[in-house]
Amino acid sequence: MNARLAEAMQRRQRADALAGLRRLAAQPAIGRPPAAATAPEPGEHCDVCGRGIPDDHRHLLDLEERQIACSCDTCWSRESGEARYIPVGTRTLWLDDFELPDELWASFGIPIGLAFFMWSSVTNCVVALYPSPAGATESELHFSTWNELVALNPVLSDLTPDAEALIVNRMAGTPSYAIAPIDRCYALVGLVKANWQGISGGPAIGAAVESYFADLRDAAVPA
């Protein structure tokens, strides 16, 4: 994790400098009127430039807002590695032998049995996010707590900062664990929000989460 985090921090510093130069280059010349705004195209659109994009498109992680941004191929190539955006991860690993004792899980202080954990290069710590009716709720973990989990599961030492996350389902039955691209993790947040009913969530939540993890396992390879 230390090597990957150091690489991410160095990449961010280089991107900060480059982004500053690009902002200067993008400023209009004195006396030149700004370009007229154009209406957005219907359907899916790039969150960076506003152009229309197909349903099967790429994603970037907005580091400032910690949100997934839909992207056209041009913006994906141009913005990847910039100060604000990074491309999401590509691997999905199913963790059959993952160890997470009940007492360690309880120490995380997460009120539901559903969460994902990413190493943030912005805050330089592990951030836990769990779904709620309002979207993703964040909680920063203590280094000692995360290090204890990594000691039990060395596969976490290779977790790519920002781009991917450990995703956990302990809602019912046998717990499920996987490493997944960060956009797949945020998709779970949207799924829970869309299916939430009443105060407790309703019966649709359980079925939606079960289907989500079944699809995730089908797309995964063993760690």
Protein backbone atom coordinates (compact mmCIF):
# COMPACT_ATOMS: atom_id res chain seq x y z
CA MET A 1 0.00 0.00 0.00
CA ASN A 2 2.83 2.41 0.80
CA ALA A 3 4.34 2.14 -2.70
CA ARG A 4 0.96 2.48 -4.41
CA LEU A 5 -0.02 5.43 -2.22
CA ALA A 6 3.31 7.18 -2.83
CA GLU A 7 2.85 6.70 -6.55
CA ALA A 8 -0.70 8.11 -6.35
CA MET A 9 0.47 11.15 -4.38
CA GLN A 10 3.31 11.84 -6.86
CA ARG A 11 0.89 11.49 -9.77
CA ARG A 12 -1.46 13.96 -8.08
CA GLN A 13 1.35 16.51 -7.55
CA ARG A 14 2.36 16.28 -11.21
CA ALA A 15 -1.27 16.57 -12.25
CA ASP A 16 -1.77 19.66 -10.06
CA ALA A 17 1.08 21.44 -11.85
CA LEU A 18 -0.13 20.40 -15.31
CA ALA A 19 -3.72 21.37 -14.53
CA GLY A 20 -2.58 24.85 -13.53
CA LEU A 21 -0.82 25.31 -16.85
CA ARG A 22 -3.88 24.11 -18.74
CA ARG A 23 -6.14 26.52 -16.84
CA LEU A 24 -3.88 29.38 -17.87
CA ALA A 25 -3.89 28.21 -21.49
CA ALA A 26 -7.69 27.93 -21.46
CA GLN A 27 -8.25 31.53 -20.35
CA PRO A 28 -9.73 33.66 -23.17
CA ALA A 29 -7.62 36.40 -24.65
CA ILE A 30 -8.32 39.94 -23.42
CA GLY A 31 -11.24 41.43 -25.31
CA ARG A 32 -12.39 38.11 -26.79
CA PRO A 33 -16.04 37.32 -25.97
CA PRO A 34 -16.72 33.92 -24.34
CA ALA A 35 -18.09 31.15 -26.55
CA ALA A 36 -21.86 30.79 -26.55
CA ALA A 37 -23.24 27.94 -24.44
CA THR A 38 -24.82 25.03 -26.29
CA ALA A 39 -27.79 22.98 -25.16
CA PRO A 40 -26.90 19.49 -23.85
CA GLU A 41 -27.67 16.53 -26.11
CA PRO A 42 -30.47 14.15 -25.05
CA GLY A 43 -29.67 10.84 -23.35
CA GLU A 44 -26.41 9.96 -21.57
CA HIS A 45 -23.80 12.70 -21.62
CA CYS A 46 -20.20 13.24 -20.60
CA ASP A 47 -20.00 14.89 -17.18
CA VAL A 48 -16.78 16.66 -18.21
CA CYS A 49 -17.60 18.19 -21.61
CA GLY A 50 -21.36 17.61 -21.94
CA ARG A 51 -21.24 15.69 -25.22
CA GLY A 52 -23.60 12.78 -25.81
CA ILE A 53 -22.15 9.34 -25.08
CA PRO A 54 -23.37 5.75 -25.58
CA ASP A 55 -24.84 3.72 -22.74
CA ASP A 56 -21.64 1.64 -22.65
CA HIS A 57 -19.17 4.38 -21.69
CA ARG A 58 -16.15 4.88 -19.45
CA HIS A 59 -16.07 6.38 -15.97
CA LEU A 60 -13.74 8.67 -14.05
CA LEU A 61 -13.62 9.31 -10.30
CA ASP A 62 -13.97 12.97 -9.38
CA LEU A 63 -11.50 13.20 -6.49
CA GLU A 64 -12.77 16.58 -5.28
CA GLU A 65 -16.42 15.56 -5.05
CA ARG A 66 -15.73 11.84 -4.58
CA GLN A 67 -18.31 11.03 -7.22
CA ILE A 68 -18.35 8.97 -10.40
CA ALA A 69 -18.26 10.99 -13.63
CA CYS A 70 -19.49 9.54 -16.93
CA SER A 71 -16.94 10.25 -19.64
CA CYS A 72 -16.54 10.26 -23.41
CA ASP A 73 -13.37 8.64 -24.77
CA THR A 74 -11.75 12.01 -25.47
CA CYS A 75 -12.22 13.35 -21.93
CA TRP A 76 -11.25 10.00 -20.44
CA SER A 77 -7.90 10.16 -22.26
CA ARG A 78 -7.37 13.86 -21.55
CA GLU A 79 -8.46 13.95 -17.90
CA SER A 80 -7.07 10.62 -16.67
CA GLY A 81 -4.30 11.43 -14.20
CA GLU A 82 -5.28 15.10 -13.92
CA ALA A 83 -5.52 16.75 -10.50
CA ARG A 84 -9.26 16.23 -10.32
CA TYR A 85 -9.99 12.97 -12.15
CA ILE A 86 -8.59 9.45 -12.28
CA PRO A 87 -9.85 6.43 -14.23
CA VAL A 88 -11.72 3.82 -12.23
CA GLY A 89 -10.21 0.39 -11.63
CA THR A 90 -10.68 -2.57 -13.95
CA ARG A 91 -10.27 -5.72 -11.84
CA THR A 92 -12.93 -7.59 -9.88
CA LEU A 93 -11.65 -10.17 -7.39
CA TRP A 94 -13.89 -12.49 -5.38
CA LEU A 95 -12.43 -13.09 -1.91
CA ASP A 96 -13.60 -16.54 -0.79
CA ASP A 97 -11.13 -16.84 2.11
CA PHE A 98 -11.48 -13.30 3.41
CA GLU A 99 -11.29 -12.91 7.20
CA LEU A 100 -13.30 -10.24 9.02
CA PRO A 101 -14.07 -11.17 12.65
CA ASP A 102 -17.29 -9.83 14.12
CA GLU A 103 -15.48 -7.79 16.75
CA LEU A 104 -13.29 -6.10 14.11
CA TRP A 105 -16.34 -5.31 11.99
CA ALA A 106 -18.08 -3.84 15.04
CA SER A 107 -15.07 -1.57 15.65
CA PHE A 108 -15.67 0.07 12.25
CA GLY A 109 -18.88 1.59 13.63
CA ILE A 110 -20.88 0.98 10.44
CA PRO A 111 -24.61 0.74 11.27
CA ILE A 112 -25.54 -1.64 8.42
CA GLY A 113 -23.97 -4.80 7.03
CA LEU A 114 -23.13 -3.22 3.69
CA ALA A 115 -20.14 -1.00 2.90
CA PHE A 116 -17.09 -0.44 0.76
CA PHE A 117 -13.62 0.73 1.76
CA MET A 118 -11.29 2.79 -0.42
CA TRP A 119 -7.88 4.32 0.21
CA SER A 120 -8.19 8.04 -0.57
CA SER A 121 -5.08 9.83 -1.85
CA VAL A 122 -6.81 13.14 -1.04
CA THR A 123 -7.25 12.47 2.69
CA ASN A 124 -4.39 9.94 2.92
CA CYS A 125 -6.53 7.47 4.82
CA VAL A 126 -9.06 4.69 4.33
CA VAL A 127 -12.63 5.88 3.91
CA ALA A 128 -15.61 3.62 4.58
CA LEU A 129 -18.79 4.39 2.64
CA TYR A 130 -22.15 2.75 3.15
CA PRO A 131 -25.49 3.16 1.35
CA SER A 132 -28.39 5.13 2.78
CA PRO A 133 -31.66 6.59 1.43
CA ALA A 134 -29.79 9.87 0.86
CA GLY A 135 -26.79 8.30 -0.92
CA ALA A 136 -23.31 7.36 0.30
CA THR A 137 -22.45 8.08 3.95
CA GLU A 138 -18.73 8.40 4.71
CA SER A 139 -16.66 7.46 7.74
CA GLU A 140 -12.85 7.57 8.05
CA LEU A 141 -11.15 4.54 9.63
CA HIS A 142 -8.27 4.58 12.12
CA PHE A 143 -4.99 3.38 10.62
CA SER A 144 -4.62 0.73 13.32
CA THR A 145 -8.04 -0.74 12.55
CA TRP A 146 -7.37 -0.95 8.82
CA ASN A 147 -3.87 -2.33 9.38
CA GLU A 148 -5.36 -5.11 11.48
CA LEU A 149 -7.66 -6.05 8.60
CA VAL A 150 -4.75 -5.95 6.12
CA ALA A 151 -2.71 -8.23 8.40
CA LEU A 152 -5.53 -10.79 8.24
CA ASN A 153 -5.95 -10.32 4.47
CA PRO A 154 -2.68 -9.37 2.70
CA VAL A 155 -4.55 -9.02 -0.62
CA LEU A 156 -5.66 -5.58 0.64
CA SER A 157 -2.07 -4.31 0.55
CA ASP A 158 -2.40 -4.16 -3.26
CA LEU A 159 -5.60 -2.11 -3.23
CA THR A 160 -5.19 0.71 -5.76
CA PRO A 161 -5.85 4.10 -4.10
CA ASP A 162 -9.06 5.84 -5.24
CA ALA A 163 -9.69 3.52 -8.21
CA GLU A 164 -11.00 0.41 -6.48
CA ALA A 165 -12.39 -0.69 -3.12
CA LEU A 166 -13.08 -3.61 -0.83
CA ILE A 167 -16.85 -4.19 -0.89
CA VAL A 168 -18.57 -6.07 1.94
CA ASN A 169 -22.02 -7.64 2.28
CA ARG A 170 -22.88 -8.89 5.77
CA MET A 171 -26.62 -8.28 5.57
CA ALA A 172 -27.77 -11.90 5.65
CA GLY A 173 -26.45 -15.45 5.44
CA THR A 174 -22.83 -16.01 4.48
CA PRO A 175 -20.87 -12.74 4.17
CA SER A 176 -19.55 -11.78 0.73
CA TYR A 177 -16.33 -9.89 0.04
CA ALA A 178 -14.76 -8.62 -3.19
CA ILE A 179 -12.38 -6.03 -4.59
CA ALA A 180 -14.20 -4.10 -7.30
CA PRO A 181 -13.79 -0.98 -9.45
CA ILE A 182 -14.96 2.09 -7.58
CA ASP A 183 -17.76 2.79 -10.06
CA ARG A 184 -19.23 -0.66 -9.38
CA CYS A 185 -19.16 0.16 -5.67
CA TYR A 186 -20.96 3.47 -6.14
CA ALA A 187 -23.51 1.65 -8.32
CA LEU A 188 -24.53 -0.27 -5.19
CA VAL A 189 -25.24 3.05 -3.45
CA GLY A 190 -27.51 4.10 -6.31
CA LEU A 191 -29.22 0.70 -6.30
CA VAL A 192 -30.05 0.92 -2.59
CA LYS A 193 -31.27 4.51 -2.93
CA ALA A 194 -33.51 3.60 -5.87
CA ASN A 195 -35.07 0.59 -4.12
CA TRP A 196 -35.46 2.08 -0.63
CA GLN A 197 -39.01 2.08 0.73
CA GLY A 198 -40.36 3.47 4.00
CA ILE A 199 -38.23 3.78 7.14
CA SER A 200 -36.43 0.42 7.12
CA GLY A 201 -35.86 0.06 3.39
CA GLY A 202 -38.52 -2.54 2.63
CA PRO A 203 -38.22 -6.04 1.12
CA ALA A 204 -36.93 -4.82 -2.26
CA ILE A 205 -33.55 -3.89 -0.77
CA GLY A 206 -32.60 -7.46 0.12
CA ALA A 207 -33.50 -8.79 -3.32
CA ALA A 208 -31.65 -5.96 -5.09
CA VAL A 209 -28.49 -6.43 -3.02
CA GLU A 210 -28.57 -10.21 -3.53
CA SER A 211 -28.85 -9.74 -7.31
CA TYR A 212 -26.06 -7.16 -7.29
CA PHE A 213 -23.60 -9.48 -5.55
CA ALA A 214 -24.59 -12.42 -7.76
CA ASP A 215 -23.72 -10.32 -10.82
CA LEU A 216 -20.49 -9.15 -9.16
CA ARG A 217 -19.44 -12.73 -8.48
CA ASP A 218 -20.18 -13.75 -12.07
CA ALA A 219 -17.89 -10.97 -13.30
CA ALA A 220 -15.11 -11.69 -10.79
CA VAL A 221 -12.07 -13.92 -10.82
CA PRO A 222 -10.72 -15.67 -7.68
CA ALA A 223 -8.12 -13.69 -5.75
